[in-house]
Amino acid sequence: MGGVYHAAFPILDISEGSENYKADNSSFLFLEKTLLRKISHKERRGSSFFSCRSWRLEIKRLQISSFRNLKQTADEKSLGLIGEQIGDLASRITNGEPYRYVVPVPGGSSRKKKNFASILAPFVARRIGTVSRDLLEGRIEGKHSTSSHPMQSLRFQVSCRDDEAGRGLVLLVDDVATTGVHFSRCVEQLRERGYSAVCISWVS
């Protein structure tokens, strides 16, 4: 039966090796240096989700600004390094149990064909030796549907792109998770299709 893949996973320091990461993108370098290097685990409506990094509260505004810039300027090296962090955490959570797919959390903006999670997913998939699939489609209901404001999460709706019955374990990825609404609603749809899911964002 599909559902959420639950794992007893402690909050750990993942700073080891991070100082060896090399990239040229200034926004990524700032985030890599300043984001807290710990794994966090949260829950919402019965769905568990993990993140590789956390905001540093005293400079969170600067970090958010850098993250927005990274979304506009991300290069393959930076995406690959983020994909490595997410992929390595995903493998540790399941003790190496393979994933059938990497599935990006869809955006809600009708103007964007691909959001950052969709761009990131293939890099994560390459790290863990599987493929990415855009199984889900998202939308923000009501006015200001193209806004990325966190309050729009409450209006986020998601559906599967087809009626194909699924099976196995998938890795659901996002760039940032704040409330967990996007993850929990995506998991509900995946569960209905027969999938189990591990949810991981880069930052929360």
Protein backbone atom coordinates (compact mmCIF):
# COMPACT_ATOMS: atom_id res chain seq x y z
CA MET A 1 0.00 0.00 0.00
CA GLY A 2 1.31 3.46 -0.89
CA GLY A 3 1.98 6.14 1.66
CA VAL A 4 4.69 8.08 3.38
CA TYR A 5 8.00 6.36 3.97
CA HIS A 6 8.74 6.98 7.65
CA ALA A 7 12.29 6.72 8.93
CA ALA A 8 13.74 7.27 12.37
CA PHE A 9 16.36 9.81 11.40
CA PRO A 10 18.14 12.12 13.86
CA ILE A 11 19.11 15.72 13.27
CA LEU A 12 22.72 15.51 12.17
CA ASP A 13 25.52 17.87 11.28
CA ILE A 14 26.38 17.48 7.59
CA SER A 15 29.22 19.98 7.49
CA GLU A 16 31.85 17.31 6.82
CA GLY A 17 33.12 17.73 3.30
CA SER A 18 31.09 20.86 2.58
CA GLU A 19 34.17 23.05 2.63
CA ASN A 20 35.47 21.03 -0.32
CA TYR A 21 32.56 21.95 -2.58
CA LYS A 22 33.66 24.11 -5.47
CA ALA A 23 31.36 26.34 -7.49
CA ASP A 24 31.56 29.66 -9.30
CA ASN A 25 28.06 30.98 -8.70
CA SER A 26 28.28 33.74 -6.08
CA SER A 27 24.71 33.23 -4.85
CA PHE A 28 25.26 29.52 -4.36
CA LEU A 29 28.60 30.14 -2.62
CA PHE A 30 26.97 32.57 -0.20
CA LEU A 31 24.17 30.12 0.60
CA GLU A 32 26.55 27.18 0.91
CA LYS A 33 28.65 29.15 3.38
CA THR A 34 25.85 30.64 5.48
CA LEU A 35 22.95 28.14 5.54
CA LEU A 36 22.96 26.04 8.68
CA ARG A 37 24.43 22.63 7.93
CA LYS A 38 22.02 20.29 9.63
CA ILE A 39 19.34 17.85 8.62
CA SER A 40 15.88 18.65 9.94
CA HIS A 41 12.75 16.51 10.09
CA LYS A 42 9.23 17.93 10.28
CA GLU A 43 5.71 16.61 9.87
CA ARG A 44 2.45 17.96 8.50
CA ARG A 45 -0.87 16.13 8.28
CA GLY A 46 0.78 12.74 8.58
CA SER A 47 3.50 13.47 6.04
CA SER A 48 7.15 13.59 7.07
CA PHE A 49 9.59 15.83 5.27
CA PHE A 50 13.31 16.40 5.60
CA SER A 51 15.67 19.19 4.62
CA CYS A 52 19.42 19.35 4.14
CA ARG A 53 19.93 22.93 5.28
CA SER A 54 18.19 25.60 7.38
CA TRP A 55 17.96 29.37 7.26
CA ARG A 56 20.18 31.36 9.60
CA LEU A 57 17.65 33.69 11.23
CA GLU A 58 19.90 36.71 11.66
CA ILE A 59 20.62 36.88 7.91
CA LYS A 60 17.56 35.09 6.54
CA ARG A 61 16.51 38.05 4.39
CA LEU A 62 19.89 38.10 2.69
CA GLN A 63 19.74 34.36 2.18
CA ILE A 64 16.27 34.53 0.65
CA SER A 65 17.46 37.28 -1.68
CA SER A 66 20.45 35.17 -2.71
CA PHE A 67 18.18 32.17 -3.24
CA ARG A 68 15.95 34.16 -5.55
CA ASN A 69 19.01 35.21 -7.51
CA LEU A 70 20.26 31.63 -7.63
CA LYS A 71 17.00 30.55 -9.26
CA GLN A 72 17.73 33.01 -12.07
CA THR A 73 21.44 32.23 -12.44
CA ALA A 74 21.86 28.59 -11.42
CA ASP A 75 24.51 26.72 -13.41
CA GLU A 76 25.04 22.98 -13.76
CA LYS A 77 27.78 22.90 -11.15
CA SER A 78 25.62 24.55 -8.47
CA LEU A 79 22.62 22.39 -9.37
CA GLY A 80 24.81 19.31 -9.24
CA LEU A 81 26.08 20.16 -5.77
CA ILE A 82 22.58 20.77 -4.43
CA GLY A 83 21.50 17.52 -6.09
CA GLU A 84 24.33 15.69 -4.35
CA GLN A 85 23.24 16.94 -0.93
CA ILE A 86 19.61 15.95 -1.48
CA GLY A 87 20.51 12.64 -3.09
CA ASP A 88 22.96 11.65 -0.37
CA LEU A 89 20.40 12.41 2.33
CA ALA A 90 17.78 10.41 0.43
CA SER A 91 20.08 7.38 0.33
CA ARG A 92 20.85 7.67 4.03
CA ILE A 93 17.19 7.82 4.99
CA THR A 94 16.44 4.49 3.26
CA ASN A 95 19.82 2.89 3.96
CA GLY A 96 20.37 2.63 0.23
CA GLU A 97 16.96 1.28 -0.75
CA PRO A 98 16.48 2.42 -4.36
CA TYR A 99 13.91 4.93 -5.54
CA ARG A 100 11.82 4.34 -8.61
CA TYR A 101 11.62 8.02 -9.57
CA VAL A 102 12.58 11.48 -8.40
CA VAL A 103 9.43 13.60 -8.56
CA PRO A 104 9.61 17.41 -8.31
CA VAL A 105 7.02 19.33 -6.32
CA PRO A 106 5.23 21.35 -9.02
CA GLY A 107 4.88 25.11 -8.93
CA GLY A 108 1.52 26.81 -8.79
CA SER A 109 2.15 29.51 -11.37
CA SER A 110 0.46 28.97 -14.70
CA ARG A 111 3.10 31.19 -16.36
CA LYS A 112 6.01 28.93 -15.49
CA LYS A 113 6.45 25.71 -17.42
CA LYS A 114 9.28 24.60 -15.10
CA ASN A 115 9.95 25.63 -11.54
CA PHE A 116 13.26 25.28 -9.71
CA ALA A 117 12.35 21.87 -8.27
CA SER A 118 11.75 20.56 -11.81
CA ILE A 119 15.13 21.87 -12.91
CA LEU A 120 16.82 20.37 -9.85
CA ALA A 121 15.17 16.92 -9.99
CA PRO A 122 17.33 15.43 -12.80
CA PHE A 123 20.49 16.30 -10.87
CA VAL A 124 19.14 14.54 -7.79
CA ALA A 125 18.12 11.55 -9.93
CA ARG A 126 21.58 11.31 -11.44
CA ARG A 127 23.11 11.25 -7.97
CA ILE A 128 21.00 8.31 -6.80
CA GLY A 129 20.98 6.41 -10.07
CA THR A 130 17.37 6.77 -11.18
CA VAL A 131 15.25 9.04 -13.41
CA SER A 132 13.06 12.06 -12.76
CA ARG A 133 9.42 12.24 -13.76
CA ASP A 134 7.01 15.17 -13.65
CA LEU A 135 4.13 13.12 -12.29
CA LEU A 136 2.34 16.07 -10.66
CA GLU A 137 0.75 19.30 -11.78
CA GLY A 138 0.15 22.20 -9.40
CA ARG A 139 -1.94 25.35 -9.33
CA ILE A 140 -2.77 28.17 -6.95
CA GLU A 141 -6.50 28.79 -6.76
CA GLY A 142 -7.97 32.25 -6.51
CA LYS A 143 -6.52 35.70 -7.15
CA HIS A 144 -2.80 36.38 -7.54
CA SER A 145 -2.20 32.85 -8.75
CA THR A 146 1.25 33.81 -10.06
CA SER A 147 2.51 35.03 -6.69
CA SER A 148 5.21 33.10 -4.82
CA HIS A 149 4.22 34.52 -1.42
CA PRO A 150 4.17 31.80 1.29
CA MET A 151 0.50 32.50 2.05
CA GLN A 152 -0.33 31.21 -1.42
CA SER A 153 0.57 27.74 -0.14
CA LEU A 154 -2.86 27.54 1.46
CA ARG A 155 -4.37 27.78 -2.03
CA PHE A 156 -2.03 25.23 -3.55
CA GLN A 157 -3.75 22.34 -5.27
CA VAL A 158 -2.11 19.42 -7.00
CA SER A 159 -3.17 16.60 -9.29
CA CYS A 160 -1.51 13.73 -11.13
CA ARG A 161 -0.86 14.21 -14.82
CA ASP A 162 -2.37 10.83 -15.71
CA ASP A 163 -4.39 8.01 -14.18
CA GLU A 164 -1.59 5.46 -14.32
CA ALA A 165 -1.43 3.23 -11.25
CA GLY A 166 1.93 3.53 -9.53
CA ARG A 167 4.02 1.37 -7.27
CA GLY A 168 7.25 1.59 -5.34
CA LEU A 169 9.13 4.32 -3.53
CA VAL A 170 9.63 7.77 -5.03
CA LEU A 171 11.68 10.74 -3.87
CA LEU A 172 9.65 13.94 -3.78
CA VAL A 173 11.95 16.98 -3.97
CA ASP A 174 11.57 20.72 -3.54
CA ASP A 175 14.01 23.59 -3.21
CA VAL A 176 12.43 25.18 -0.11
CA ALA A 177 9.80 23.86 2.31
CA THR A 178 8.22 26.27 4.78
CA THR A 179 4.87 24.97 5.98
CA GLY A 180 4.94 21.51 4.40
CA VAL A 181 1.63 22.12 2.62
CA HIS A 182 3.08 21.42 -0.83
CA PHE A 183 4.69 18.19 0.31
CA SER A 184 1.60 16.90 2.13
CA ARG A 185 -0.75 17.57 -0.79
CA CYS A 186 1.65 15.98 -3.25
CA VAL A 187 1.99 12.91 -1.02
CA GLU A 188 -1.79 12.56 -0.91
CA GLN A 189 -1.91 12.38 -4.70
CA LEU A 190 1.01 9.96 -4.92
CA ARG A 191 -0.54 7.74 -2.24
CA GLU A 192 -3.78 7.56 -4.23
CA ARG A 193 -1.77 6.26 -7.20
CA GLY A 194 -0.04 3.61 -5.07
CA TYR A 195 3.35 5.24 -4.45
CA SER A 196 5.21 5.64 -1.19
CA ALA A 197 7.26 8.83 -0.85
CA VAL A 198 10.25 10.33 0.89
CA CYS A 199 10.07 14.14 0.90
CA ILE A 200 13.25 16.25 0.90
CA SER A 201 13.88 19.95 0.32
CA TRP A 202 17.26 21.63 0.18
CA VAL A 203 16.25 24.32 2.70
CA SER A 204 13.53 24.66 5.32
